[in-house]
Amino acid sequence: MRMWMLNPKLLCKKHLLGEHGEIHKHRHNFVKKHSIQGRISPIVLIQPRAMSERHDSLAEEMLSRGYNHNSSYTLPDLNYLGEMVDVKVDLNYNLKDLCKRCEECRKRISNAC
């Protein structure tokens, strides 16, 4: 699971819907108090504290594109994570990585500049 944390308008349909779905799937890991070590090392892929706000941003963009959205998100208790709750992804790294991975995202990002 990866949170791109880029402006949702820059994401193609696949990455927009994918990140949204992964946020919902990862909630289970928080509820079960699973380790997130593999999601923050060697590179930070998720921002636990930002999941609810990010979900809402993605959902807003989905609706603006005419996609369906019927799934609310409530952030579970993250106290078990300690300091890991405040990790942040590297936006510059994610921007470059996404441009390498996806032609459609690359076009959207180029058009925004």
N, C-alpha and C. Protein backbone atom coordinates (compact mmCIF):
# COMPACT_ATOMS: atom_id res chain seq x y z
N MET A 1 0.84 -1.18 0.00
CA MET A 1 0.00 0.00 0.00
C MET A 1 0.87 1.23 0.00
N ARG A 2 0.46 2.22 -0.75
CA ARG A 2 1.21 3.45 -0.84
C ARG A 2 0.24 4.62 -0.86
N MET A 3 0.62 5.63 -0.13
CA MET A 3 -0.09 6.91 -0.19
C MET A 3 0.80 7.86 -0.97
N TRP A 4 0.31 8.30 -2.12
CA TRP A 4 1.11 9.20 -2.94
C TRP A 4 1.19 10.59 -2.29
N MET A 5 0.12 11.01 -1.66
CA MET A 5 0.02 12.29 -0.96
C MET A 5 0.21 13.49 -1.89
N LEU A 6 0.10 13.26 -3.18
CA LEU A 6 0.15 14.35 -4.16
C LEU A 6 -1.26 14.88 -4.35
N ASN A 7 -1.37 16.04 -4.94
CA ASN A 7 -2.69 16.59 -5.23
C ASN A 7 -3.48 15.54 -6.00
N PRO A 8 -4.65 15.15 -5.52
CA PRO A 8 -5.43 14.10 -6.20
C PRO A 8 -5.75 14.43 -7.66
N LYS A 9 -5.78 15.69 -8.02
CA LYS A 9 -6.05 16.07 -9.41
C LYS A 9 -4.95 15.58 -10.35
N LEU A 10 -3.76 15.32 -9.80
CA LEU A 10 -2.62 14.87 -10.61
C LEU A 10 -2.63 13.38 -10.86
N LEU A 11 -3.47 12.64 -10.16
CA LEU A 11 -3.48 11.18 -10.27
C LEU A 11 -4.41 10.72 -11.38
N CYS A 12 -3.95 9.74 -12.15
CA CYS A 12 -4.82 9.10 -13.14
C CYS A 12 -5.91 8.33 -12.39
N LYS A 13 -6.87 7.83 -13.13
CA LYS A 13 -7.97 7.09 -12.52
C LYS A 13 -7.45 5.89 -11.73
N LYS A 14 -6.51 5.14 -12.30
CA LYS A 14 -5.99 3.94 -11.65
C LYS A 14 -5.34 4.27 -10.31
N HIS A 15 -4.53 5.31 -10.27
CA HIS A 15 -3.83 5.65 -9.03
C HIS A 15 -4.75 6.33 -8.02
N LEU A 16 -5.70 7.11 -8.51
CA LEU A 16 -6.68 7.75 -7.62
C LEU A 16 -7.52 6.69 -6.91
N LEU A 17 -8.11 5.80 -7.69
CA LEU A 17 -8.96 4.76 -7.11
C LEU A 17 -8.14 3.75 -6.32
N GLY A 18 -6.93 3.48 -6.78
CA GLY A 18 -6.07 2.54 -6.07
C GLY A 18 -5.68 3.04 -4.69
N GLU A 19 -5.28 4.31 -4.60
CA GLU A 19 -4.91 4.84 -3.29
C GLU A 19 -6.12 4.87 -2.36
N HIS A 20 -7.26 5.24 -2.88
CA HIS A 20 -8.48 5.26 -2.08
C HIS A 20 -8.79 3.86 -1.53
N GLY A 21 -8.75 2.87 -2.39
CA GLY A 21 -9.03 1.50 -1.95
C GLY A 21 -8.02 0.98 -0.95
N GLU A 22 -6.77 1.31 -1.15
CA GLU A 22 -5.73 0.85 -0.23
C GLU A 22 -5.88 1.48 1.16
N ILE A 23 -6.33 2.71 1.21
CA ILE A 23 -6.57 3.34 2.52
C ILE A 23 -7.64 2.55 3.27
N HIS A 24 -8.70 2.17 2.59
CA HIS A 24 -9.73 1.35 3.24
C HIS A 24 -9.18 -0.01 3.67
N LYS A 25 -8.39 -0.63 2.82
CA LYS A 25 -7.84 -1.95 3.15
C LYS A 25 -6.88 -1.87 4.34
N HIS A 26 -6.11 -0.80 4.40
CA HIS A 26 -5.12 -0.69 5.47
C HIS A 26 -5.75 -0.41 6.83
N ARG A 27 -6.97 0.12 6.85
CA ARG A 27 -7.65 0.39 8.12
C ARG A 27 -7.69 -0.86 8.99
N HIS A 28 -7.92 -2.00 8.37
CA HIS A 28 -7.97 -3.28 9.07
C HIS A 28 -6.67 -3.51 9.85
N ASN A 29 -5.53 -3.16 9.25
CA ASN A 29 -4.24 -3.33 9.93
C ASN A 29 -4.15 -2.48 11.19
N PHE A 30 -4.71 -1.29 11.14
CA PHE A 30 -4.71 -0.43 12.32
C PHE A 30 -5.63 -1.00 13.41
N VAL A 31 -6.79 -1.45 13.01
CA VAL A 31 -7.75 -2.01 13.97
C VAL A 31 -7.14 -3.22 14.66
N LYS A 32 -6.44 -4.06 13.90
CA LYS A 32 -5.81 -5.27 14.45
C LYS A 32 -4.45 -4.97 15.10
N LYS A 33 -4.04 -3.71 15.04
CA LYS A 33 -2.77 -3.26 15.64
C LYS A 33 -1.56 -4.00 15.05
N HIS A 34 -1.60 -4.18 13.72
CA HIS A 34 -0.48 -4.80 13.03
C HIS A 34 0.68 -3.82 12.92
N SER A 35 1.86 -4.35 12.80
CA SER A 35 3.05 -3.52 12.60
C SER A 35 2.99 -2.85 11.23
N ILE A 36 3.50 -1.62 11.17
CA ILE A 36 3.59 -0.93 9.89
C ILE A 36 5.06 -0.74 9.50
N GLN A 37 5.94 -1.43 10.18
CA GLN A 37 7.38 -1.25 9.94
C GLN A 37 7.73 -1.38 8.46
N GLY A 38 7.16 -2.35 7.78
CA GLY A 38 7.44 -2.55 6.36
C GLY A 38 6.90 -1.44 5.48
N ARG A 39 6.01 -0.63 6.01
CA ARG A 39 5.43 0.49 5.25
C ARG A 39 6.15 1.81 5.52
N ILE A 40 7.09 1.79 6.48
CA ILE A 40 7.82 3.03 6.76
C ILE A 40 9.33 2.87 6.65
N SER A 41 9.79 1.66 6.37
CA SER A 41 11.22 1.44 6.23
C SER A 41 11.44 0.37 5.17
N PRO A 42 12.33 0.57 4.26
CA PRO A 42 13.35 1.61 4.17
C PRO A 42 12.85 2.95 3.64
N ILE A 43 11.64 2.97 3.11
CA ILE A 43 11.06 4.22 2.61
C ILE A 43 9.66 4.36 3.19
N VAL A 44 9.30 5.58 3.53
CA VAL A 44 7.97 5.83 4.10
C VAL A 44 6.94 5.80 2.96
N LEU A 45 6.00 4.87 3.06
CA LEU A 45 4.97 4.70 2.04
C LEU A 45 3.60 5.19 2.49
N ILE A 46 3.40 5.34 3.80
CA ILE A 46 2.10 5.76 4.32
C ILE A 46 2.27 6.83 5.38
N GLN A 47 1.22 7.61 5.57
CA GLN A 47 1.15 8.60 6.63
C GLN A 47 -0.07 8.27 7.48
N PRO A 48 0.12 7.48 8.52
CA PRO A 48 -1.03 7.00 9.30
C PRO A 48 -1.97 8.11 9.78
N ARG A 49 -1.44 9.16 10.35
CA ARG A 49 -2.30 10.20 10.91
C ARG A 49 -3.10 10.93 9.82
N ALA A 50 -2.62 10.89 8.59
CA ALA A 50 -3.26 11.63 7.49
C ALA A 50 -4.30 10.81 6.74
N MET A 51 -4.53 9.57 7.12
CA MET A 51 -5.39 8.70 6.30
C MET A 51 -6.82 9.20 6.17
N SER A 52 -7.41 9.69 7.22
CA SER A 52 -8.79 10.15 7.14
C SER A 52 -8.91 11.38 6.23
N GLU A 53 -8.03 12.34 6.44
CA GLU A 53 -8.05 13.55 5.62
C GLU A 53 -7.74 13.23 4.16
N ARG A 54 -6.77 12.33 3.96
CA ARG A 54 -6.41 11.94 2.59
C ARG A 54 -7.58 11.21 1.92
N HIS A 55 -8.23 10.34 2.65
CA HIS A 55 -9.40 9.65 2.11
C HIS A 55 -10.42 10.67 1.60
N ASP A 56 -10.70 11.67 2.41
CA ASP A 56 -11.70 12.66 2.04
C ASP A 56 -11.27 13.46 0.81
N SER A 57 -9.99 13.77 0.69
CA SER A 57 -9.49 14.48 -0.50
C SER A 57 -9.63 13.62 -1.75
N LEU A 58 -9.30 12.36 -1.62
CA LEU A 58 -9.44 11.45 -2.76
C LEU A 58 -10.90 11.29 -3.15
N ALA A 59 -11.77 11.15 -2.15
CA ALA A 59 -13.20 10.99 -2.42
C ALA A 59 -13.77 12.23 -3.11
N GLU A 60 -13.35 13.40 -2.67
CA GLU A 60 -13.81 14.64 -3.31
C GLU A 60 -13.41 14.68 -4.78
N GLU A 61 -12.18 14.28 -5.07
CA GLU A 61 -11.72 14.25 -6.46
C GLU A 61 -12.48 13.19 -7.26
N MET A 62 -12.73 12.05 -6.65
CA MET A 62 -13.50 11.01 -7.33
C MET A 62 -14.87 11.55 -7.74
N LEU A 63 -15.53 12.21 -6.82
CA LEU A 63 -16.86 12.76 -7.11
C LEU A 63 -16.79 13.84 -8.19
N SER A 64 -15.74 14.66 -8.15
CA SER A 64 -15.62 15.73 -9.16
C SER A 64 -15.43 15.15 -10.56
N ARG A 65 -14.90 13.94 -10.65
CA ARG A 65 -14.72 13.27 -11.94
C ARG A 65 -15.93 12.44 -12.33
N GLY A 66 -16.95 12.43 -11.48
CA GLY A 66 -18.16 11.67 -11.79
C GLY A 66 -18.11 10.22 -11.38
N TYR A 67 -17.11 9.83 -10.59
CA TYR A 67 -17.02 8.46 -10.09
C TYR A 67 -17.91 8.31 -8.87
N ASN A 68 -18.31 7.10 -8.59
CA ASN A 68 -19.10 6.82 -7.39
C ASN A 68 -18.21 6.82 -6.15
N HIS A 69 -18.78 7.26 -5.05
CA HIS A 69 -18.10 7.13 -3.76
C HIS A 69 -19.16 7.00 -2.69
N ASN A 70 -19.15 5.88 -2.00
CA ASN A 70 -20.14 5.62 -0.94
C ASN A 70 -19.50 5.06 0.32
N SER A 71 -18.21 5.27 0.50
CA SER A 71 -17.52 4.63 1.62
C SER A 71 -16.88 5.67 2.53
N SER A 72 -17.47 5.87 3.68
CA SER A 72 -16.88 6.80 4.63
C SER A 72 -15.65 6.14 5.27
N TYR A 73 -14.84 6.94 5.92
CA TYR A 73 -13.64 6.42 6.56
C TYR A 73 -13.51 7.05 7.94
N THR A 74 -13.34 6.21 8.93
CA THR A 74 -13.08 6.66 10.29
C THR A 74 -11.73 6.12 10.71
N LEU A 75 -10.84 7.01 11.08
CA LEU A 75 -9.52 6.61 11.50
C LEU A 75 -9.59 5.93 12.85
N PRO A 76 -9.08 4.70 12.95
CA PRO A 76 -9.09 4.02 14.24
C PRO A 76 -8.02 4.60 15.18
N ASP A 77 -8.00 4.13 16.39
CA ASP A 77 -7.01 4.56 17.37
C ASP A 77 -5.62 4.14 16.90
N LEU A 78 -4.72 5.10 16.82
CA LEU A 78 -3.37 4.83 16.35
C LEU A 78 -2.32 4.94 17.46
N ASN A 79 -2.76 5.04 18.70
CA ASN A 79 -1.82 5.22 19.81
C ASN A 79 -0.77 4.12 19.88
N TYR A 80 -1.12 2.93 19.45
CA TYR A 80 -0.18 1.81 19.52
C TYR A 80 1.05 2.04 18.64
N LEU A 81 0.97 2.95 17.67
CA LEU A 81 2.07 3.19 16.75
C LEU A 81 3.18 4.05 17.34
N GLY A 82 2.91 4.73 18.44
CA GLY A 82 3.92 5.60 19.02
C GLY A 82 4.35 6.69 18.04
N GLU A 83 5.65 6.91 17.91
CA GLU A 83 6.17 7.96 17.03
C GLU A 83 5.94 7.67 15.55
N MET A 84 5.70 6.42 15.20
CA MET A 84 5.48 6.06 13.80
C MET A 84 4.21 6.69 13.24
N VAL A 85 3.32 7.13 14.10
CA VAL A 85 2.06 7.71 13.64
C VAL A 85 2.28 9.01 12.86
N ASP A 86 3.42 9.67 13.09
CA ASP A 86 3.66 10.97 12.46
C ASP A 86 4.65 10.93 11.30
N VAL A 87 4.99 9.75 10.78
CA VAL A 87 5.91 9.70 9.64
C VAL A 87 5.26 10.34 8.42
N LYS A 88 6.10 10.85 7.53
CA LYS A 88 5.60 11.52 6.33
C LYS A 88 6.32 10.98 5.09
N VAL A 89 5.57 10.85 4.03
CA VAL A 89 6.17 10.41 2.76
C VAL A 89 6.97 11.57 2.17
N ASP A 90 7.90 11.23 1.30
CA ASP A 90 8.71 12.22 0.59
C ASP A 90 7.97 12.57 -0.71
N LEU A 91 7.38 13.74 -0.75
CA LEU A 91 6.57 14.14 -1.90
C LEU A 91 7.39 14.22 -3.19
N ASN A 92 8.61 14.72 -3.11
CA ASN A 92 9.45 14.81 -4.30
C ASN A 92 9.77 13.42 -4.85
N TYR A 93 10.09 12.51 -3.96
CA TYR A 93 10.36 11.13 -4.37
C TYR A 93 9.12 10.53 -5.03
N ASN A 94 7.96 10.71 -4.40
CA ASN A 94 6.72 10.15 -4.95
C ASN A 94 6.37 10.75 -6.30
N LEU A 95 6.60 12.03 -6.46
CA LEU A 95 6.31 12.69 -7.74
C LEU A 95 7.17 12.09 -8.84
N LYS A 96 8.46 11.96 -8.59
CA LYS A 96 9.38 11.37 -9.58
C LYS A 96 9.02 9.92 -9.85
N ASP A 97 8.74 9.17 -8.80
CA ASP A 97 8.41 7.76 -8.95
C ASP A 97 7.13 7.56 -9.76
N LEU A 98 6.13 8.36 -9.47
CA LEU A 98 4.87 8.25 -10.19
C LEU A 98 5.05 8.61 -11.67
N CYS A 99 5.86 9.62 -11.95
CA CYS A 99 6.12 10.00 -13.34
C CYS A 99 6.83 8.88 -14.10
N LYS A 100 7.69 8.14 -13.42
CA LYS A 100 8.38 7.01 -14.05
C LYS A 100 7.42 5.84 -14.28
N ARG A 101 6.48 5.64 -13.39
CA ARG A 101 5.60 4.48 -13.42
C ARG A 101 4.43 4.60 -14.37
N CYS A 102 3.91 5.83 -14.53
CA CYS A 102 2.59 5.96 -15.17
C CYS A 102 2.57 7.11 -16.18
N GLU A 103 2.36 6.76 -17.43
CA GLU A 103 2.31 7.77 -18.49
C GLU A 103 1.14 8.74 -18.29
N GLU A 104 0.00 8.23 -17.88
CA GLU A 104 -1.17 9.09 -17.69
C GLU A 104 -0.94 10.09 -16.56
N CYS A 105 -0.38 9.64 -15.44
CA CYS A 105 -0.06 10.55 -14.34
C CYS A 105 0.98 11.57 -14.79
N ARG A 106 1.98 11.11 -15.54
CA ARG A 106 3.02 12.01 -16.04
C ARG A 106 2.39 13.12 -16.88
N LYS A 107 1.44 12.79 -17.73
CA LYS A 107 0.75 13.80 -18.54
C LYS A 107 -0.01 14.78 -17.65
N ARG A 108 -0.72 14.27 -16.65
CA ARG A 108 -1.50 15.13 -15.76
C ARG A 108 -0.58 16.06 -14.99
N ILE A 109 0.56 15.54 -14.55
CA ILE A 109 1.52 16.34 -13.78
C ILE A 109 2.14 17.41 -14.68
N SER A 110 2.51 17.04 -15.90
CA SER A 110 3.09 17.99 -16.84
C SER A 110 2.12 19.12 -17.18
N ASN A 111 0.86 18.77 -17.34
CA ASN A 111 -0.16 19.77 -17.66
C ASN A 111 -0.40 20.74 -16.51
N ALA A 112 -0.11 20.31 -15.29
CA ALA A 112 -0.33 21.16 -14.11
C ALA A 112 0.80 22.18 -13.94
N CYS A 113 1.94 21.91 -14.56
CA CYS A 113 3.10 22.83 -14.40
C CYS A 113 3.01 24.05 -15.28
